[in-house]
Protein backbone atom coordinates (compact mmCIF):
# COMPACT_ATOMS: atom_id res chain seq x y z
CA MET A 1 0.10 -26.60 -5.42
CA SER A 2 -0.21 -22.87 -4.65
CA VAL A 3 -0.61 -21.90 -0.98
CA ILE A 4 -2.04 -18.47 -1.80
CA LYS A 5 -5.60 -18.46 -3.04
CA PHE A 6 -6.07 -15.51 -5.33
CA ASN A 7 -9.62 -14.50 -6.20
CA SER A 8 -8.99 -14.29 -9.86
CA TYR A 9 -6.25 -14.46 -12.51
CA HIS A 10 -6.49 -10.66 -12.73
CA GLN A 11 -5.74 -10.35 -9.04
CA LYS A 12 -2.79 -12.77 -9.18
CA GLU A 13 -1.33 -10.81 -12.20
CA GLU A 14 -1.94 -7.56 -10.35
CA MET A 15 -0.06 -8.76 -7.27
CA LYS A 16 2.75 -10.05 -9.35
CA ARG A 17 3.13 -6.78 -11.21
CA ASN A 18 3.01 -4.63 -8.06
CA LEU A 19 5.42 -6.81 -6.20
CA LYS A 20 7.91 -6.72 -9.11
CA LEU A 21 7.67 -2.90 -8.89
CA ILE A 22 8.20 -2.95 -5.09
CA ASN A 23 11.26 -5.09 -5.43
CA LEU A 24 12.71 -2.91 -8.17
CA LYS A 25 12.70 -0.04 -5.67
CA PHE A 26 13.58 -2.23 -2.77
CA GLU A 27 16.79 -3.53 -4.28
CA LYS A 28 18.11 0.05 -4.57
CA ILE A 29 17.52 0.99 -1.01
CA ARG A 30 17.79 -2.29 0.89
CA ASP A 31 21.04 -1.33 2.62
CA TYR A 32 19.20 1.70 4.26
CA VAL A 33 16.14 0.19 5.59
CA HIS A 34 15.17 -2.39 8.33
CA PHE A 35 12.87 -4.60 6.16
CA HIS A 36 13.04 -7.23 3.58
CA ILE A 37 10.59 -7.85 0.60
CA PHE A 38 10.10 -11.16 -1.06
CA SER A 39 9.70 -11.84 -4.78
CA PHE A 40 6.48 -13.10 -6.12
CA GLU A 41 8.11 -16.47 -6.75
CA GLN A 42 9.02 -16.80 -2.92
CA LEU A 43 5.58 -16.02 -1.60
CA ASP A 44 4.14 -19.59 -1.28
CA ASP A 45 7.15 -20.72 0.72
CA CYS A 46 7.08 -17.68 2.86
CA GLN A 47 3.52 -18.26 4.23
CA THR A 48 4.93 -21.16 6.44
CA GLY A 49 4.50 -20.32 10.06
CA PHE A 50 1.72 -17.78 9.27
CA SER A 51 -1.24 -19.25 7.28
CA ILE A 52 0.20 -22.84 7.20
CA ASP A 53 2.48 -25.03 9.28
CA PRO A 54 5.62 -26.74 8.03
CA ASP A 55 3.56 -29.70 7.02
CA GLY A 56 1.24 -27.57 4.87
CA ASN A 57 -1.73 -27.67 7.33
CA SER A 58 -3.74 -24.43 7.62
CA LEU A 59 -3.29 -22.27 10.64
CA VAL A 60 -6.36 -20.20 9.77
CA THR A 61 -9.15 -20.64 12.44
CA ASP A 62 -12.18 -18.87 13.45
CA GLU A 63 -10.52 -17.90 16.86
CA GLU A 64 -10.09 -14.28 17.63
CA GLY A 65 -6.54 -13.25 16.89
CA SER A 66 -5.74 -16.08 14.55
CA TRP A 67 -4.27 -15.56 11.09
CA ASP A 68 -6.69 -14.05 8.49
CA ASP A 69 -6.93 -16.03 5.34
CA ASN A 70 -6.82 -12.83 3.29
CA TRP A 71 -3.39 -11.86 4.64
CA ILE A 72 -0.36 -12.48 2.50
CA VAL A 73 3.15 -12.18 3.82
CA ILE A 74 5.32 -10.14 1.38
CA GLY A 75 8.26 -9.54 3.64
CA TYR A 76 9.46 -8.89 7.21
CA GLU A 77 11.02 -6.30 9.55
CA THR A 78 14.66 -7.31 9.86
CA ILE A 79 15.23 -6.41 13.48
CA CYS A 80 12.52 -8.59 15.15
CA GLY A 81 11.31 -10.58 12.12
CA ASP A 82 7.72 -9.18 12.24
CA PRO A 83 5.84 -10.11 9.05
CA ILE A 84 4.83 -7.45 6.50
CA ILE A 85 1.53 -8.30 4.87
CA ILE A 86 -0.97 -7.16 2.22
CA GLU A 87 -4.77 -7.70 2.52
CA LEU A 88 -6.20 -9.35 -0.54
CA ASN A 89 -9.76 -8.56 0.42
CA GLU A 90 -9.19 -4.81 0.69
CA ASP A 91 -9.16 -2.20 -2.35
CA GLY A 92 -5.67 -1.53 -3.30
CA TYR A 93 -4.20 -4.15 -0.96
CA PRO A 94 -3.23 -2.16 2.20
CA VAL A 95 0.28 -2.92 3.64
CA SER A 96 0.76 -3.52 7.37
CA ARG A 97 3.38 -4.78 9.83
CA LEU A 98 2.01 -7.35 12.28
CA ILE A 99 3.76 -8.21 15.58
CA HIS A 100 4.74 -11.75 16.23
CA GLY A 101 5.12 -13.61 19.60
CA MET A 102 2.18 -11.85 21.16
CA GLY A 103 -0.15 -14.84 21.26
CA SER A 104 -2.38 -13.47 18.66
CA TRP A 105 -2.06 -11.41 15.38
CA ASP A 106 -4.21 -8.57 16.65
CA ALA A 107 -1.26 -6.24 17.19
CA GLY A 108 0.16 -4.38 14.24
CA SER A 109 0.37 -1.02 12.36
CA PHE A 110 -0.57 0.13 8.79
CA LEU A 111 2.39 1.08 6.66
CA THR A 112 0.33 2.25 3.57
CA ASP A 113 -3.12 2.19 2.40
CA SER A 114 -2.20 0.18 -0.85
CA MET A 115 0.63 -1.46 -2.62
CA GLU A 116 0.69 1.51 -5.01
CA SER A 117 1.36 3.83 -2.07
CA PHE A 118 4.11 1.58 -0.81
CA ILE A 119 5.84 1.78 -4.33
CA LYS A 120 5.54 5.59 -4.08
CA ILE A 121 7.06 5.78 -0.63
CA LEU A 122 9.95 3.44 -1.71
CA LYS A 123 10.43 5.79 -4.73
CA ASP A 124 10.51 8.85 -2.38
CA ILE A 125 13.10 7.22 -0.32
CA GLU A 126 15.20 6.25 -3.38
CA CYS A 127 14.90 9.86 -4.67
CA PHE A 128 16.13 11.25 -1.27
CA LEU A 129 19.09 8.89 -1.34
CA THR A 130 19.84 9.80 -4.83
CA GLU A 131 19.49 13.60 -4.25
CA LYS A 132 21.85 13.27 -1.10
CA GLN A 133 24.23 11.09 -2.94
CA VAL A 134 23.91 8.43 -0.27
CA LEU A 135 23.78 5.80 -2.93
CA GLN A 136 27.14 7.08 -4.22
CA GLY A 137 28.72 6.61 -0.89
CA LYS A 138 28.18 9.93 0.78
CA ARG A 139 27.00 9.94 4.46
CA THR A 140 26.28 13.68 4.89
CA ILE A 141 22.58 13.60 5.87
CA GLN A 142 20.98 15.44 8.69
CA ASN A 143 18.16 14.35 11.08
CA LYS A 144 16.07 17.30 10.10
CA GLU A 145 16.24 16.13 6.37
CA LEU A 146 15.13 12.71 7.28
CA LYS A 147 12.24 14.06 9.28
CA ALA A 148 11.13 16.19 6.38
CA LEU A 149 11.21 13.06 4.27
CA LEU A 150 8.98 11.16 6.76
CA ASN A 151 6.64 14.09 7.18
CA ASN A 152 6.20 14.26 3.33
CA ILE A 153 5.42 10.57 3.40
CA ILE A 154 2.78 10.72 6.02
CA GLU A 155 1.21 13.68 4.30
CA LYS A 156 0.54 11.72 1.23
CA ASP A 157 -0.90 8.59 2.99
CA LYS A 158 -3.20 8.83 5.95
CA PHE A 159 -2.46 5.24 6.95
CA THR A 160 1.25 5.85 7.54
CA ASP A 161 2.73 6.32 10.96
CA PHE A 162 5.90 8.56 11.62
CA GLU A 163 7.35 6.31 14.38
CA ILE A 164 6.98 3.10 12.41
CA TRP A 165 8.63 4.48 9.29
CA GLN A 166 11.32 6.03 11.47
CA SER A 167 12.13 2.61 12.84
CA LEU A 168 12.10 1.11 9.38
CA LEU A 169 14.48 3.88 8.30
CA ASN A 170 16.65 3.51 11.46
CA PRO A 171 19.95 2.80 9.43
CA LEU A 172 19.54 6.29 7.85
CA PHE A 173 19.04 7.94 11.21
CA ASN A 174 22.12 6.20 12.39
CA ILE A 175 24.12 7.70 9.56
CA ALA A 176 22.64 11.18 10.30
CA ASP A 177 23.58 10.78 13.96
CA GLU A 178 27.23 9.81 13.03
CA TYR A 179 27.52 12.67 10.63
CA GLU A 180 26.08 15.33 13.01
CA LYS A 181 28.26 14.17 15.87
CA ALA A 182 31.39 14.45 13.71
CA LEU A 183 30.18 17.80 12.25
CA GLU A 184 29.58 19.20 15.73
CA THR A 185 33.14 18.30 16.66
CA LYS A 186 34.61 19.94 13.60
CA VAL A 187 32.37 23.08 13.98
CA LYS A 188 33.72 23.34 17.51
CA GLU A 189 37.40 23.18 16.32
CA MET A 190 36.89 25.62 13.65
CA LYS A 191 35.01 28.09 15.90
CA GLY A 192 37.96 27.73 18.28
CA GLU A 193 40.28 28.61 15.41
CA GLY A 194 38.36 31.87 15.03
CA LYS A 195 36.44 30.99 11.87
CA LYS A 196 33.29 32.85 11.15
CA ILE A 197 29.88 31.01 11.10
CA THR A 198 29.50 31.85 7.35
CA GLU A 199 32.85 30.47 6.59
CA ILE A 200 32.20 27.33 8.48
CA ALA A 201 28.84 26.84 6.72
CA TYR A 202 30.52 27.22 3.31
CA LEU A 203 33.14 24.67 4.13
CA PHE A 204 30.61 22.00 5.14
CA ASN A 205 27.97 22.97 2.59
CA ILE A 206 25.42 23.58 5.27
CA LYS A 207 23.31 26.62 6.32
CA PRO A 208 24.73 29.19 8.68
CA LYS A 209 21.77 28.70 10.97
CA ASP A 210 22.74 25.06 11.18
CA VAL A 211 26.37 26.03 12.27
CA TYR A 212 24.74 28.35 14.90
CA GLU A 213 22.79 25.46 16.32
CA TYR A 214 25.82 23.26 16.65
CA ILE A 215 27.67 26.17 18.41
CA LYS A 216 24.78 26.61 20.78
CA LYS A 217 25.24 22.88 21.90
CA MET A 218 28.89 23.60 22.90
């Protein structure tokens, strides 16, 4: 027996289609994000502890801060295990991250205003990773490039939050930190050898002003 009560067959098929598209994008970027997304077939089992207990009893009550019957867990944040949900009763099915362990489910943040927007965000992240050749093993990304990616994401969706998505993309920011630390060391060495800013920029395929910024930190 299905745990999730869809309002109609159309809604169920729409959810199934959207979640399949989300998973297609997620599988390509999963090593670079701090969240996990379930398949449609996993959804019923993954509601345990949220809308139902291990024995199948409902955890939905009329009490303030209790689980909402319209919330469906579609994944989780991988650092703290906070659930990522969609809201069945809202147009487009907004996506949010709730915070567990607080005694109620009132705390949380919107990730996107719809599942469709979520798909577009994952696509933007995939395109960034492809353009920077991260998916091919390169780890030469800069923090300013990631911040530009996030700014582009929040410009498209009024529900998104910079800090939330920054935490979800923390593996990429760690890569950027490692790259920039190594780059700063190499720039320092080359500057000490008497190489010009334009020459250093050419060698590392970065802009001269970036080289200048690294030199200013010395």
